[in-house]
C-alpha atoms as a PDB file:
ATOM      1  CA  MET A   1      31.460  15.434 -12.568  1.00  0.00           C
ATOM      2  CA  SER A   2      29.119  17.093 -10.093  1.00  0.00           C
ATOM      3  CA  THR A   3      26.457  14.902  -8.600  1.00  0.00           C
ATOM      4  CA  ARG A   4      23.200  15.076 -10.525  1.00  0.00           C
ATOM      5  CA  ILE A   5      19.964  14.161  -8.747  1.00  0.00           C
ATOM      6  CA  LEU A   6      17.063  13.397 -11.071  1.00  0.00           C
ATOM      7  CA  SER A   7      13.655  13.455  -9.390  1.00  0.00           C
ATOM      8  CA  THR A   8      10.315  12.669 -10.986  1.00  0.00           C
ATOM      9  CA  SER A   9       8.455  15.007  -8.623  1.00  0.00           C
ATOM     10  CA  PRO A  10       8.941  17.445  -5.747  1.00  0.00           C
ATOM     11  CA  LEU A  11       8.665  16.052  -2.221  1.00  0.00           C
ATOM     12  CA  VAL A  12       6.704  17.347   0.750  1.00  0.00           C
ATOM     13  CA  GLY A  13       8.840  19.515   3.022  1.00  0.00           C
ATOM     14  CA  PRO A  14      12.364  20.911   2.593  1.00  0.00           C
ATOM     15  CA  ALA A  15      14.381  17.680   2.495  1.00  0.00           C
ATOM     16  CA  LEU A  16      14.926  17.516  -1.276  1.00  0.00           C
ATOM     17  CA  SER A  17      15.957  21.151  -1.636  1.00  0.00           C
ATOM     18  CA  GLU A  18      18.307  20.761   1.336  1.00  0.00           C
ATOM     19  CA  LEU A  19      19.820  17.686  -0.323  1.00  0.00           C
ATOM     20  CA  ALA A  20      20.399  19.724  -3.487  1.00  0.00           C
ATOM     21  CA  THR A  21      22.502  22.235  -1.562  1.00  0.00           C
ATOM     22  CA  ARG A  22      24.891  19.409  -0.641  1.00  0.00           C
ATOM     23  CA  PHE A  23      24.837  17.675  -4.013  1.00  0.00           C
ATOM     24  CA  PRO A  24      24.189  20.289  -6.730  1.00  0.00           C
ATOM     25  CA  ASP A  25      22.490  19.900 -10.096  1.00  0.00           C
ATOM     26  CA  LEU A  26      19.048  18.735  -9.001  1.00  0.00           C
ATOM     27  CA  LEU A  27      16.623  18.322 -11.885  1.00  0.00           C
ATOM     28  CA  LEU A  28      12.873  17.864 -11.455  1.00  0.00           C
ATOM     29  CA  ALA A  29      11.417  16.238 -14.567  1.00  0.00           C
ATOM     30  CA  PRO A  30       8.246  14.187 -15.083  1.00  0.00           C
ATOM     31  CA  PHE A  31       8.837  10.468 -15.412  1.00  0.00           C
ATOM     32  CA  ARG A  32       9.558   9.411 -19.007  1.00  0.00           C
ATOM     33  CA  SER A  33       9.467  13.021 -20.230  1.00  0.00           C
ATOM     34  CA  PRO A  34      12.124  14.043 -22.794  1.00  0.00           C
ATOM     35  CA  ALA A  35      13.970  15.951 -20.073  1.00  0.00           C
ATOM     36  CA  TRP A  36      13.959  12.927 -17.785  1.00  0.00           C
ATOM     37  CA  ASN A  37      15.114  10.582 -20.540  1.00  0.00           C
ATOM     38  CA  SER A  38      17.996  12.818 -21.588  1.00  0.00           C
ATOM     39  CA  ALA A  39      19.133  13.459 -18.012  1.00  0.00           C
ATOM     40  CA  LEU A  40      19.581   9.749 -17.307  1.00  0.00           C
ATOM     41  CA  ALA A  41      22.968   9.826 -19.028  1.00  0.00           C
ATOM     42  CA  GLU A  42      24.415  12.023 -16.261  1.00  0.00           C
ATOM     43  CA  ALA A  43      22.276  11.052 -13.276  1.00  0.00           C
ATOM     44  CA  GLU A  44      23.979   9.694 -10.194  1.00  0.00           C
ATOM     45  CA  ALA A  45      20.801   9.512  -8.095  1.00  0.00           C
ATOM     46  CA  LEU A  46      17.172   8.936  -9.023  1.00  0.00           C
ATOM     47  CA  VAL A  47      14.205   9.925  -6.881  1.00  0.00           C
ATOM     48  CA  VAL A  48      11.047   8.071  -7.909  1.00  0.00           C
ATOM     49  CA  VAL A  49       7.631   7.160  -6.566  1.00  0.00           C
ATOM     50  CA  LEU A  50       5.874   3.800  -6.708  1.00  0.00           C
ATOM     51  CA  SER A  51       4.064   4.698  -9.945  1.00  0.00           C
ATOM     52  CA  ASN A  52       7.450   5.070 -11.712  1.00  0.00           C
ATOM     53  CA  PRO A  53       8.523   1.562 -12.787  1.00  0.00           C
ATOM     54  CA  ILE A  54      12.280   1.621 -13.389  1.00  0.00           C
ATOM     55  CA  THR A  55      13.591  -0.960 -15.850  1.00  0.00           C
ATOM     56  CA  GLU A  56      16.955  -2.523 -16.621  1.00  0.00           C
ATOM     57  CA  ALA A  57      16.983  -0.396 -19.773  1.00  0.00           C
ATOM     58  CA  ASP A  58      16.900   2.701 -17.560  1.00  0.00           C
ATOM     59  CA  LEU A  59      19.936   1.414 -15.687  1.00  0.00           C
ATOM     60  CA  THR A  60      21.757   0.924 -18.976  1.00  0.00           C
ATOM     61  CA  ALA A  61      20.888   4.498 -19.968  1.00  0.00           C
ATOM     62  CA  ALA A  62      22.308   5.779 -16.654  1.00  0.00           C
ATOM     63  CA  PRO A  63      25.945   4.615 -16.541  1.00  0.00           C
ATOM     64  CA  HIS A  64      26.831   6.904 -13.614  1.00  0.00           C
ATOM     65  CA  LEU A  65      23.900   5.842 -11.429  1.00  0.00           C
ATOM     66  CA  LYS A  66      24.843   5.139  -7.806  1.00  0.00           C
ATOM     67  CA  VAL A  67      21.524   5.115  -5.943  1.00  0.00           C
ATOM     68  CA  ILE A  68      17.764   4.997  -6.495  1.00  0.00           C
ATOM     69  CA  GLY A  69      15.523   6.464  -3.818  1.00  0.00           C
ATOM     70  CA  THR A  70      11.848   5.527  -3.810  1.00  0.00           C
ATOM     71  CA  LEU A  71       9.194   7.304  -1.770  1.00  0.00           C
ATOM     72  CA  SER A  72       7.600   4.036  -0.704  1.00  0.00           C
ATOM     73  CA  VAL A  73       8.083   0.996   1.476  1.00  0.00           C
ATOM     74  CA  GLY A  74       7.806  -1.489  -1.377  1.00  0.00           C
ATOM     75  CA  VAL A  75      10.399  -1.793  -4.140  1.00  0.00           C
ATOM     76  CA  ASN A  76       8.495  -4.062  -6.542  1.00  0.00           C
ATOM     77  CA  HIS A  77       8.607  -1.270  -9.164  1.00  0.00           C
ATOM     78  CA  LEU A  78      12.429  -1.384  -9.225  1.00  0.00           C
ATOM     79  CA  PRO A  79      14.771  -3.928 -10.884  1.00  0.00           C
ATOM     80  CA  VAL A  80      16.256  -5.003  -7.573  1.00  0.00           C
ATOM     81  CA  ALA A  81      18.420  -7.859  -8.863  1.00  0.00           C
ATOM     82  CA  ALA A  82      19.883  -5.708 -11.639  1.00  0.00           C
ATOM     83  CA  CYS A  83      20.641  -2.931  -9.157  1.00  0.00           C
ATOM     84  CA  GLN A  84      22.403  -5.375  -6.868  1.00  0.00           C
ATOM     85  CA  ALA A  85      24.455  -6.721  -9.779  1.00  0.00           C
ATOM     86  CA  ARG A  86      25.609  -3.209 -10.673  1.00  0.00           C
ATOM     87  CA  GLY A  87      26.167  -2.075  -7.097  1.00  0.00           C
ATOM     88  CA  ILE A  88      23.379   0.509  -7.244  1.00  0.00           C
ATOM     89  CA  ALA A  89      21.991   1.211  -3.790  1.00  0.00           C
ATOM     90  CA  ILE A  90      18.234   1.314  -3.194  1.00  0.00           C
ATOM     91  CA  VAL A  91      16.780   3.583  -0.512  1.00  0.00           C
ATOM     92  CA  SER A  92      13.134   3.181   0.547  1.00  0.00           C
ATOM     93  CA  THR A  93      11.052   4.607   3.382  1.00  0.00           C
ATOM     94  CA  PRO A  94       9.850   1.880   5.760  1.00  0.00           C
ATOM     95  CA  GLY A  95       8.596   2.493   9.271  1.00  0.00           C
ATOM     96  CA  VAL A  96       7.503   6.120   9.121  1.00  0.00           C
ATOM     97  CA  LEU A  97       4.176   5.432   7.394  1.00  0.00           C
ATOM     98  CA  THR A  98       3.016   2.616   9.674  1.00  0.00           C
ATOM     99  CA  ASP A  99       0.330   4.470  11.624  1.00  0.00           C
ATOM    100  CA  ALA A 100      -0.958   6.478   8.666  1.00  0.00           C
ATOM    101  CA  THR A 101      -1.458   3.352   6.551  1.00  0.00           C
ATOM    102  CA  ALA A 102      -3.054   1.392   9.383  1.00  0.00           C
ATOM    103  CA  ASP A 103      -5.427   4.321   9.883  1.00  0.00           C
ATOM    104  CA  ILE A 104      -6.491   4.217   6.229  1.00  0.00           C
ATOM    105  CA  ALA A 105      -7.135   0.469   6.458  1.00  0.00           C
ATOM    106  CA  LEU A 106      -9.350   1.086   9.481  1.00  0.00           C
ATOM    107  CA  THR A 107     -11.051   3.958   7.653  1.00  0.00           C
ATOM    108  CA  LEU A 108     -11.911   1.636   4.759  1.00  0.00           C
ATOM    109  CA  LEU A 109     -13.233  -1.011   7.132  1.00  0.00           C
ATOM    110  CA  LEU A 110     -15.489   1.384   9.035  1.00  0.00           C
ATOM    111  CA  ALA A 111     -16.638   3.161   5.873  1.00  0.00           C
ATOM    112  CA  LEU A 112     -17.711  -0.163   4.377  1.00  0.00           C
ATOM    113  CA  THR A 113     -19.385  -1.708   7.383  1.00  0.00           C
ATOM    114  CA  ARG A 114     -21.156   1.502   8.477  1.00  0.00           C
ATOM    115  CA  ARG A 115     -22.017   2.413   4.854  1.00  0.00           C
ATOM    116  CA  VAL A 116     -20.565   5.900   5.190  1.00  0.00           C
ATOM    117  CA  ALA A 117     -20.442   6.772   1.479  1.00  0.00           C
ATOM    118  CA  GLU A 118     -24.071   5.718   0.973  1.00  0.00           C
ATOM    119  CA  GLY A 119     -25.183   7.657   4.024  1.00  0.00           C
ATOM    120  CA  GLU A 120     -23.451  10.843   2.967  1.00  0.00           C
ATOM    121  CA  ALA A 121     -24.820  10.510  -0.568  1.00  0.00           C
ATOM    122  CA  LEU A 122     -28.327  10.133   0.852  1.00  0.00           C
ATOM    123  CA  VAL A 123     -28.018  13.291   2.928  1.00  0.00           C
ATOM    124  CA  ARG A 124     -26.495  15.280   0.056  1.00  0.00           C
ATOM    125  CA  SER A 125     -29.232  14.118  -2.307  1.00  0.00           C
ATOM    126  CA  GLY A 126     -31.835  16.040  -0.334  1.00  0.00           C
ATOM    127  CA  GLN A 127     -34.011  12.909  -0.268  1.00  0.00           C
ATOM    128  CA  TRP A 128     -33.334  11.816   3.323  1.00  0.00           C
ATOM    129  CA  GLN A 129     -36.631  11.389   5.164  1.00  0.00           C
ATOM    130  CA  GLY A 130     -35.182  10.939   8.654  1.00  0.00           C
ATOM    131  CA  TRP A 131     -34.203   8.053  10.889  1.00  0.00           C
ATOM    132  CA  ALA A 132     -35.632   4.610  10.130  1.00  0.00           C
ATOM    133  CA  PRO A 133     -35.100   1.270  11.904  1.00  0.00           C
ATOM    134  CA  ASP A 134     -33.784  -0.516   8.810  1.00  0.00           C
ATOM    135  CA  GLN A 135     -31.909   2.353   7.174  1.00  0.00           C
ATOM    136  CA  LEU A 136     -28.445   1.506   5.793  1.00  0.00           C
ATOM    137  CA  LEU A 137     -27.771  -1.361   8.162  1.00  0.00           C
ATOM    138  CA  GLY A 138     -24.314  -2.892   8.201  1.00  0.00           C
ATOM    139  CA  PRO A 139     -22.552  -5.718  10.034  1.00  0.00           C
ATOM    140  CA  ALA A 140     -21.127  -5.289  13.512  1.00  0.00           C
ATOM    141  CA  LEU A 141     -17.417  -5.928  14.056  1.00  0.00           C
ATOM    142  CA  ALA A 142     -17.084  -6.663  17.776  1.00  0.00           C
ATOM    143  CA  GLY A 143     -16.768 -10.350  18.558  1.00  0.00           C
ATOM    144  CA  LYS A 144     -15.691 -11.321  15.039  1.00  0.00           C
ATOM    145  CA  ALA A 145     -12.314 -12.420  13.688  1.00  0.00           C
ATOM    146  CA  CYS A 146     -10.078 -10.284  11.499  1.00  0.00           C
ATOM    147  CA  GLY A 147      -7.569 -12.080   9.301  1.00  0.00           C
ATOM    148  CA  ILE A 148      -4.406 -10.085   8.657  1.00  0.00           C
ATOM    149  CA  LEU A 149      -2.004 -11.072   5.892  1.00  0.00           C
ATOM    150  CA  GLY A 150       1.401  -9.877   7.033  1.00  0.00           C
ATOM    151  CA  SER A 151       2.773  -9.430  10.534  1.00  0.00           C
ATOM    152  CA  GLY A 152       5.065  -6.503   9.762  1.00  0.00           C
ATOM    153  CA  PRO A 153       4.688  -3.101  11.435  1.00  0.00           C
ATOM    154  CA  ILE A 154       1.565  -2.053   9.489  1.00  0.00           C
ATOM    155  CA  GLY A 155      -0.177  -5.390  10.039  1.00  0.00           C
ATOM    156  CA  LEU A 156       0.590  -5.172  13.760  1.00  0.00           C
ATOM    157  CA  ALA A 157      -0.677  -1.592  13.963  1.00  0.00           C
ATOM    158  CA  PHE A 158      -3.899  -2.556  12.181  1.00  0.00           C
ATOM    159  CA  ALA A 159      -4.351  -5.525  14.517  1.00  0.00           C
ATOM    160  CA  HIS A 160      -4.116  -3.211  17.510  1.00  0.00           C
ATOM    161  CA  ARG A 161      -6.797  -0.989  16.008  1.00  0.00           C
ATOM    162  CA  VAL A 162      -9.304  -3.753  15.255  1.00  0.00           C
ATOM    163  CA  TRP A 163      -8.607  -5.352  18.646  1.00  0.00           C
ATOM    164  CA  ALA A 164      -9.661  -2.030  20.206  1.00  0.00           C
ATOM    165  CA  LEU A 165     -12.976  -2.447  18.321  1.00  0.00           C
ATOM    166  CA  GLY A 166     -13.515  -5.831  19.945  1.00  0.00           C
ATOM    167  CA  MET A 167     -12.296  -7.994  17.054  1.00  0.00           C
ATOM    168  CA  THR A 168      -9.998 -11.013  17.328  1.00  0.00           C
ATOM    169  CA  PRO A 169      -6.873 -10.676  15.136  1.00  0.00           C
ATOM    170  CA  LEU A 170      -5.525 -13.713  13.254  1.00  0.00           C
ATOM    171  CA  PHE A 171      -2.270 -13.614  11.275  1.00  0.00           C
ATOM    172  CA  TRP A 172      -0.708 -15.193   8.224  1.00  0.00           C
ATOM    173  CA  ASP A 173       2.742 -14.310   6.934  1.00  0.00           C
ATOM    174  CA  ARG A 174       5.124 -15.414   4.243  1.00  0.00           C
ATOM    175  CA  ASP A 175       7.572 -17.441   6.320  1.00  0.00           C
ATOM    176  CA  GLY A 176       4.923 -20.041   7.095  1.00  0.00           C
ATOM    177  CA  SER A 177       5.880 -20.335  10.738  1.00  0.00           C
ATOM    178  CA  GLY A 178       3.273 -20.992  13.381  1.00  0.00           C
ATOM    179  CA  GLY A 179       3.252 -19.688  16.915  1.00  0.00           C
ATOM    180  CA  THR A 180       1.819 -16.383  18.016  1.00  0.00           C
ATOM    181  CA  VAL A 181       2.244 -12.727  17.179  1.00  0.00           C
ATOM    182  CA  TYR A 182       2.359  -9.983  19.800  1.00  0.00           C
ATOM    183  CA  PHE A 183       0.559  -6.934  18.376  1.00  0.00           C
ATOM    184  CA  GLY A 184       0.477  -4.551  21.333  1.00  0.00           C
ATOM    185  CA  GLY A 185      -2.950  -5.471  22.662  1.00  0.00           C
ATOM    186  CA  GLY A 186      -2.114  -9.108  23.260  1.00  0.00           C
ATOM    187  CA  GLN A 187      -1.114 -12.182  21.314  1.00  0.00           C
ATOM    188  CA  ALA A 188      -2.748 -13.644  18.215  1.00  0.00           C
ATOM    189  CA  PRO A 189      -2.169 -16.955  16.423  1.00  0.00           C
ATOM    190  CA  ARG A 190      -0.276 -17.221  13.145  1.00  0.00           C
ATOM    191  CA  LEU A 191      -2.250 -19.602  10.919  1.00  0.00           C
ATOM    192  CA  PRO A 192      -2.035 -21.141   7.455  1.00  0.00           C
ATOM    193  CA  LEU A 193      -4.431 -19.673   4.914  1.00  0.00           C
ATOM    194  CA  ALA A 194      -6.628 -22.783   4.959  1.00  0.00           C
ATOM    195  CA  GLU A 195      -7.392 -22.132   8.631  1.00  0.00           C
ATOM    196  CA  LEU A 196      -7.387 -18.349   8.624  1.00  0.00           C
ATOM    197  CA  LEU A 197      -9.662 -17.602   5.661  1.00  0.00           C
ATOM    198  CA  PRO A 198     -12.808 -19.489   6.785  1.00  0.00           C
ATOM    199  CA  ARG A 199     -12.673 -17.678  10.147  1.00  0.00           C
ATOM    200  CA  SER A 200     -12.119 -14.160   8.820  1.00  0.00           C
ATOM    201  CA  ALA A 201     -15.184 -11.912   8.782  1.00  0.00           C
ATOM    202  CA  VAL A 202     -12.668  -9.264   7.743  1.00  0.00           C
ATOM    203  CA  LEU A 203      -9.524  -9.919   5.710  1.00  0.00           C
ATOM    204  CA  SER A 204      -6.966  -7.114   5.510  1.00  0.00           C
ATOM    205  CA  LEU A 205      -3.840  -7.273   3.339  1.00  0.00           C
ATOM    206  CA  HIS A 206      -0.573  -5.925   4.746  1.00  0.00           C
ATOM    207  CA  CYS A 207       2.074  -7.995   2.967  1.00  0.00           C
ATOM    208  CA  PRO A 208       4.452  -6.760   0.247  1.00  0.00           C
ATOM    209  CA  LEU A 209       3.988  -7.694  -3.390  1.00  0.00           C
ATOM    210  CA  THR A 210       6.607 -10.342  -4.143  1.00  0.00           C
ATOM    211  CA  GLU A 211       6.785 -13.382  -6.369  1.00  0.00           C
ATOM    212  CA  GLN A 212       5.453 -15.339  -3.394  1.00  0.00           C
ATOM    213  CA  THR A 213       2.454 -13.068  -2.778  1.00  0.00           C
ATOM    214  CA  ARG A 214       1.565 -12.103  -6.358  1.00  0.00           C
ATOM    215  CA  GLY A 215      -1.802 -13.717  -7.061  1.00  0.00           C
ATOM    216  CA  LEU A 216      -1.781 -15.237  -3.576  1.00  0.00           C
ATOM    217  CA  LEU A 217      -5.554 -14.969  -3.156  1.00  0.00           C
ATOM    218  CA  ASP A 218      -7.088 -16.586  -6.208  1.00  0.00           C
ATOM    219  CA  ARG A 219     -10.786 -17.315  -6.658  1.00  0.00           C
ATOM    220  CA  ALA A 220     -10.573 -20.572  -4.687  1.00  0.00           C
ATOM    221  CA  HIS A 221      -8.998 -18.767  -1.724  1.00  0.00           C
ATOM    222  CA  LEU A 222     -11.503 -15.902  -1.813  1.00  0.00           C
ATOM    223  CA  GLU A 223     -14.351 -18.408  -1.826  1.00  0.00           C
ATOM    224  CA  GLN A 224     -13.033 -19.819   1.460  1.00  0.00           C
ATOM    225  CA  LEU A 225     -13.986 -16.579   3.229  1.00  0.00           C
ATOM    226  CA  PRO A 226     -17.286 -16.732   5.115  1.00  0.00           C
ATOM    227  CA  ALA A 227     -20.340 -15.325   3.370  1.00  0.00           C
ATOM    228  CA  GLY A 228     -20.509 -11.562   3.791  1.00  0.00           C
ATOM    229  CA  ALA A 229     -16.796 -11.160   4.559  1.00  0.00           C
ATOM    230  CA  VAL A 230     -15.121  -7.801   3.959  1.00  0.00           C
ATOM    231  CA  LEU A 231     -11.811  -7.518   2.082  1.00  0.00           C
ATOM    232  CA  ILE A 232      -9.453  -4.568   2.668  1.00  0.00           C
ATOM    233  CA  ASN A 233      -6.291  -3.848   0.679  1.00  0.00           C
ATOM    234  CA  THR A 234      -3.841  -1.073   1.550  1.00  0.00           C
ATOM    235  CA  ALA A 235      -0.749  -3.088   0.571  1.00  0.00           C
ATOM    236  CA  ARG A 236      -0.282  -3.469  -3.196  1.00  0.00           C
ATOM    237  CA  GLY A 237      -2.446  -4.405  -6.143  1.00  0.00           C
ATOM    238  CA  GLY A 238      -1.854  -7.859  -7.563  1.00  0.00           C
ATOM    239  CA  ILE A 239      -2.054  -9.813  -4.306  1.00  0.00           C
ATOM    240  CA  PHE A 240      -5.639 -10.944  -4.926  1.00  0.00           C
ATOM    241  CA  ASP A 241      -7.633 -11.772  -8.048  1.00  0.00           C
ATOM    242  CA  GLU A 242      -9.604  -8.598  -8.719  1.00  0.00           C
ATOM    243  CA  HIS A 243     -11.921 -10.212 -11.283  1.00  0.00           C
ATOM    244  CA  ALA A 244     -12.838 -12.961  -8.827  1.00  0.00           C
ATOM    245  CA  ALA A 245     -13.487 -10.434  -6.070  1.00  0.00           C
ATOM    246  CA  MET A 246     -15.807  -8.423  -8.317  1.00  0.00           C
ATOM    247  CA  ASP A 247     -17.676 -11.570  -9.303  1.00  0.00           C
ATOM    248  CA  LEU A 248     -18.138 -12.444  -5.633  1.00  0.00           C
ATOM    249  CA  LEU A 249     -19.391  -8.929  -4.920  1.00  0.00           C
ATOM    250  CA  ASP A 250     -21.901  -9.188  -7.774  1.00  0.00           C
ATOM    251  CA  SER A 251     -23.168 -12.520  -6.452  1.00  0.00           C
ATOM    252  CA  GLY A 252     -23.433 -11.210  -2.894  1.00  0.00           C
ATOM    253  CA  ARG A 253     -20.850 -13.701  -1.603  1.00  0.00           C
ATOM    254  CA  LEU A 254     -18.490 -10.914  -0.516  1.00  0.00           C
ATOM    255  CA  GLY A 255     -19.927  -8.319   1.820  1.00  0.00           C
ATOM    256  CA  GLY A 256     -17.653  -5.504   0.682  1.00  0.00           C
ATOM    257  CA  VAL A 257     -14.254  -4.522  -0.661  1.00  0.00           C
ATOM    258  CA  GLY A 258     -12.256  -1.472   0.395  1.00  0.00           C
ATOM    259  CA  LEU A 259      -9.266  -0.541  -1.736  1.00  0.00           C
ATOM    260  CA  ASP A 260      -6.507   2.028  -1.517  1.00  0.00           C
ATOM    261  CA  VAL A 261      -4.327   0.221  -4.096  1.00  0.00           C
ATOM    262  CA  TYR A 262      -5.037  -1.442  -7.431  1.00  0.00           C
ATOM    263  CA  GLU A 263      -3.416  -3.752  -9.909  1.00  0.00           C
ATOM    264  CA  GLY A 264      -1.932  -1.578 -12.664  1.00  0.00           C
ATOM    265  CA  GLU A 265      -2.656   1.703 -10.870  1.00  0.00           C
ATOM    266  CA  PRO A 266      -3.293   4.502 -11.588  1.00  0.00           C
ATOM    267  CA  LYS A 267      -5.316   2.687 -14.249  1.00  0.00           C
ATOM    268  CA  LEU A 268      -7.873   0.392 -12.705  1.00  0.00           C
ATOM    269  CA  ASN A 269     -10.328  -2.159 -13.948  1.00  0.00           C
ATOM    270  CA  PRO A 270     -13.458  -0.149 -14.900  1.00  0.00           C
ATOM    271  CA  ARG A 271     -15.611  -2.815 -13.272  1.00  0.00           C
ATOM    272  CA  TRP A 272     -14.562  -1.384  -9.896  1.00  0.00           C
ATOM    273  CA  LEU A 273     -16.428   1.826 -10.699  1.00  0.00           C
ATOM    274  CA  GLN A 274     -19.699  -0.113 -10.921  1.00  0.00           C
ATOM    275  CA  ALA A 275     -19.035  -2.761  -8.288  1.00  0.00           C
ATOM    276  CA  PRO A 276     -21.488  -2.785  -5.356  1.00  0.00           C
ATOM    277  CA  ARG A 277     -20.447  -2.390  -1.704  1.00  0.00           C
ATOM    278  CA  THR A 278     -17.045  -0.879  -2.404  1.00  0.00           C
ATOM    279  CA  VAL A 279     -15.044   2.058  -1.091  1.00  0.00           C
ATOM    280  CA  LEU A 280     -12.283   3.168  -3.467  1.00  0.00           C
ATOM    281  CA  LEU A 281      -9.497   5.542  -2.418  1.00  0.00           C
ATOM    282  CA  PRO A 282      -6.644   7.024  -4.521  1.00  0.00           C
ATOM    283  CA  HIS A 283      -3.679   5.487  -2.648  1.00  0.00           C
ATOM    284  CA  LEU A 284      -3.952   7.676   0.458  1.00  0.00           C
ATOM    285  CA  GLY A 285      -2.197   5.299   2.850  1.00  0.00           C
ATOM    286  CA  SER A 286       0.659   7.621   3.795  1.00  0.00           C
ATOM    287  CA  ALA A 287      -1.146  10.871   3.002  1.00  0.00           C
ATOM    288  CA  THR A 288      -0.575  12.931   6.110  1.00  0.00           C
ATOM    289  CA  VAL A 289       1.687  15.976   6.101  1.00  0.00           C
ATOM    290  CA  GLU A 290       3.813  14.580   8.906  1.00  0.00           C
ATOM    291  CA  THR A 291       4.212  11.190   7.263  1.00  0.00           C
ATOM    292  CA  ARG A 292       5.119  12.512   3.818  1.00  0.00           C
ATOM    293  CA  GLU A 293       7.653  14.926   5.323  1.00  0.00           C
ATOM    294  CA  ALA A 294       9.188  12.085   7.338  1.00  0.00           C
ATOM    295  CA  MET A 295       9.328   9.882   4.240  1.00  0.00           C
ATOM    296  CA  ALA A 296      11.050  12.648   2.260  1.00  0.00           C
ATOM    297  CA  GLN A 297      13.587  13.194   5.031  1.00  0.00           C
ATOM    298  CA  MET A 298      14.353   9.482   5.335  1.00  0.00           C
ATOM    299  CA  LEU A 299      14.719   9.210   1.576  1.00  0.00           C
ATOM    300  CA  CYS A 300      17.049  12.199   1.258  1.00  0.00           C
ATOM    301  CA  ASP A 301      19.156  11.152   4.249  1.00  0.00           C
ATOM    302  CA  GLY A 302      19.600   7.754   2.626  1.00  0.00           C
ATOM    303  CA  LEU A 303      20.523   9.313  -0.717  1.00  0.00           C
ATOM    304  CA  ALA A 304      23.093  11.564   0.929  1.00  0.00           C
ATOM    305  CA  LYS A 305      24.676   8.634   2.713  1.00  0.00           C
ATOM    306  CA  ALA A 306      24.819   6.551  -0.467  1.00  0.00           C
ATOM    307  CA  LEU A 307      26.246   9.390  -2.556  1.00  0.00           C
ATOM    308  CA  THR A 308      28.875  10.217   0.068  1.00  0.00           C
ATOM    309  CA  THR A 309      29.918   6.568   0.323  1.00  0.00           C
ATOM    310  CA  CYS A 310      30.194   6.227  -3.454  1.00  0.00           C
ATOM    311  CA  ARG A 311      32.096   9.468  -4.160  1.00  0.00           C
END
């Protein structure tokens, strides 16, 4: 049987079409469409994105499946244990999106604290009356602490960026170890949440969504942040309690929330659309041409290696 690659979408750049010349019978079909469902029976490789949750039932429907490639760093949308039990390889795309995602986190932080969306809306409204001493004031960042959940490559890159703004990075990560983290601009302490949260004028999430981090920041944890703190999430939805965060925004306890990811995306809690002091982006973390091309190339190289090994 010739190798059949089933992809839910085209990728940026030539990598997928080049892969199809090596392993013929590439089919592009929308996720869960009739064409996609019927092609599972012959598929040896799947190409999915993070909004395509693969289930154990899909694995059962794909008896020839050898590898799943996901255009993402995280694999929480895949049945990892079931894949391991069946010997199905998983290929993801870590590393290449580090700078792009850290840039988006910084973009959210600056847009919130300098009230960029409000300022642009004022100018576009035609109602701007000129400079005023108290117009759209926001909090300064220099001299304040930035808590960073996750000391992987993206967390380190974000730390370097906020350090350049004059902030003091503080880290928490899943292994619970203490010590210090070298982030490129210097060293920063690794702290337990009970110590990190009360010091964090900014809290930025850069940890994966796992059973350990799902619901990590409940209402009690969010209330430990100092009054006026800013919360940034470019990691995954589900790490913090969205309802609690919106309540704290409504009460004025939280100074702002900047999101590039959401629990249950692309659907999101409609309260976000009315929540004050928010900047909401449509999952743009890796959205540069260079990054998406590099992700596609990494993904297709990994698929080729897995398919060659399994043939």
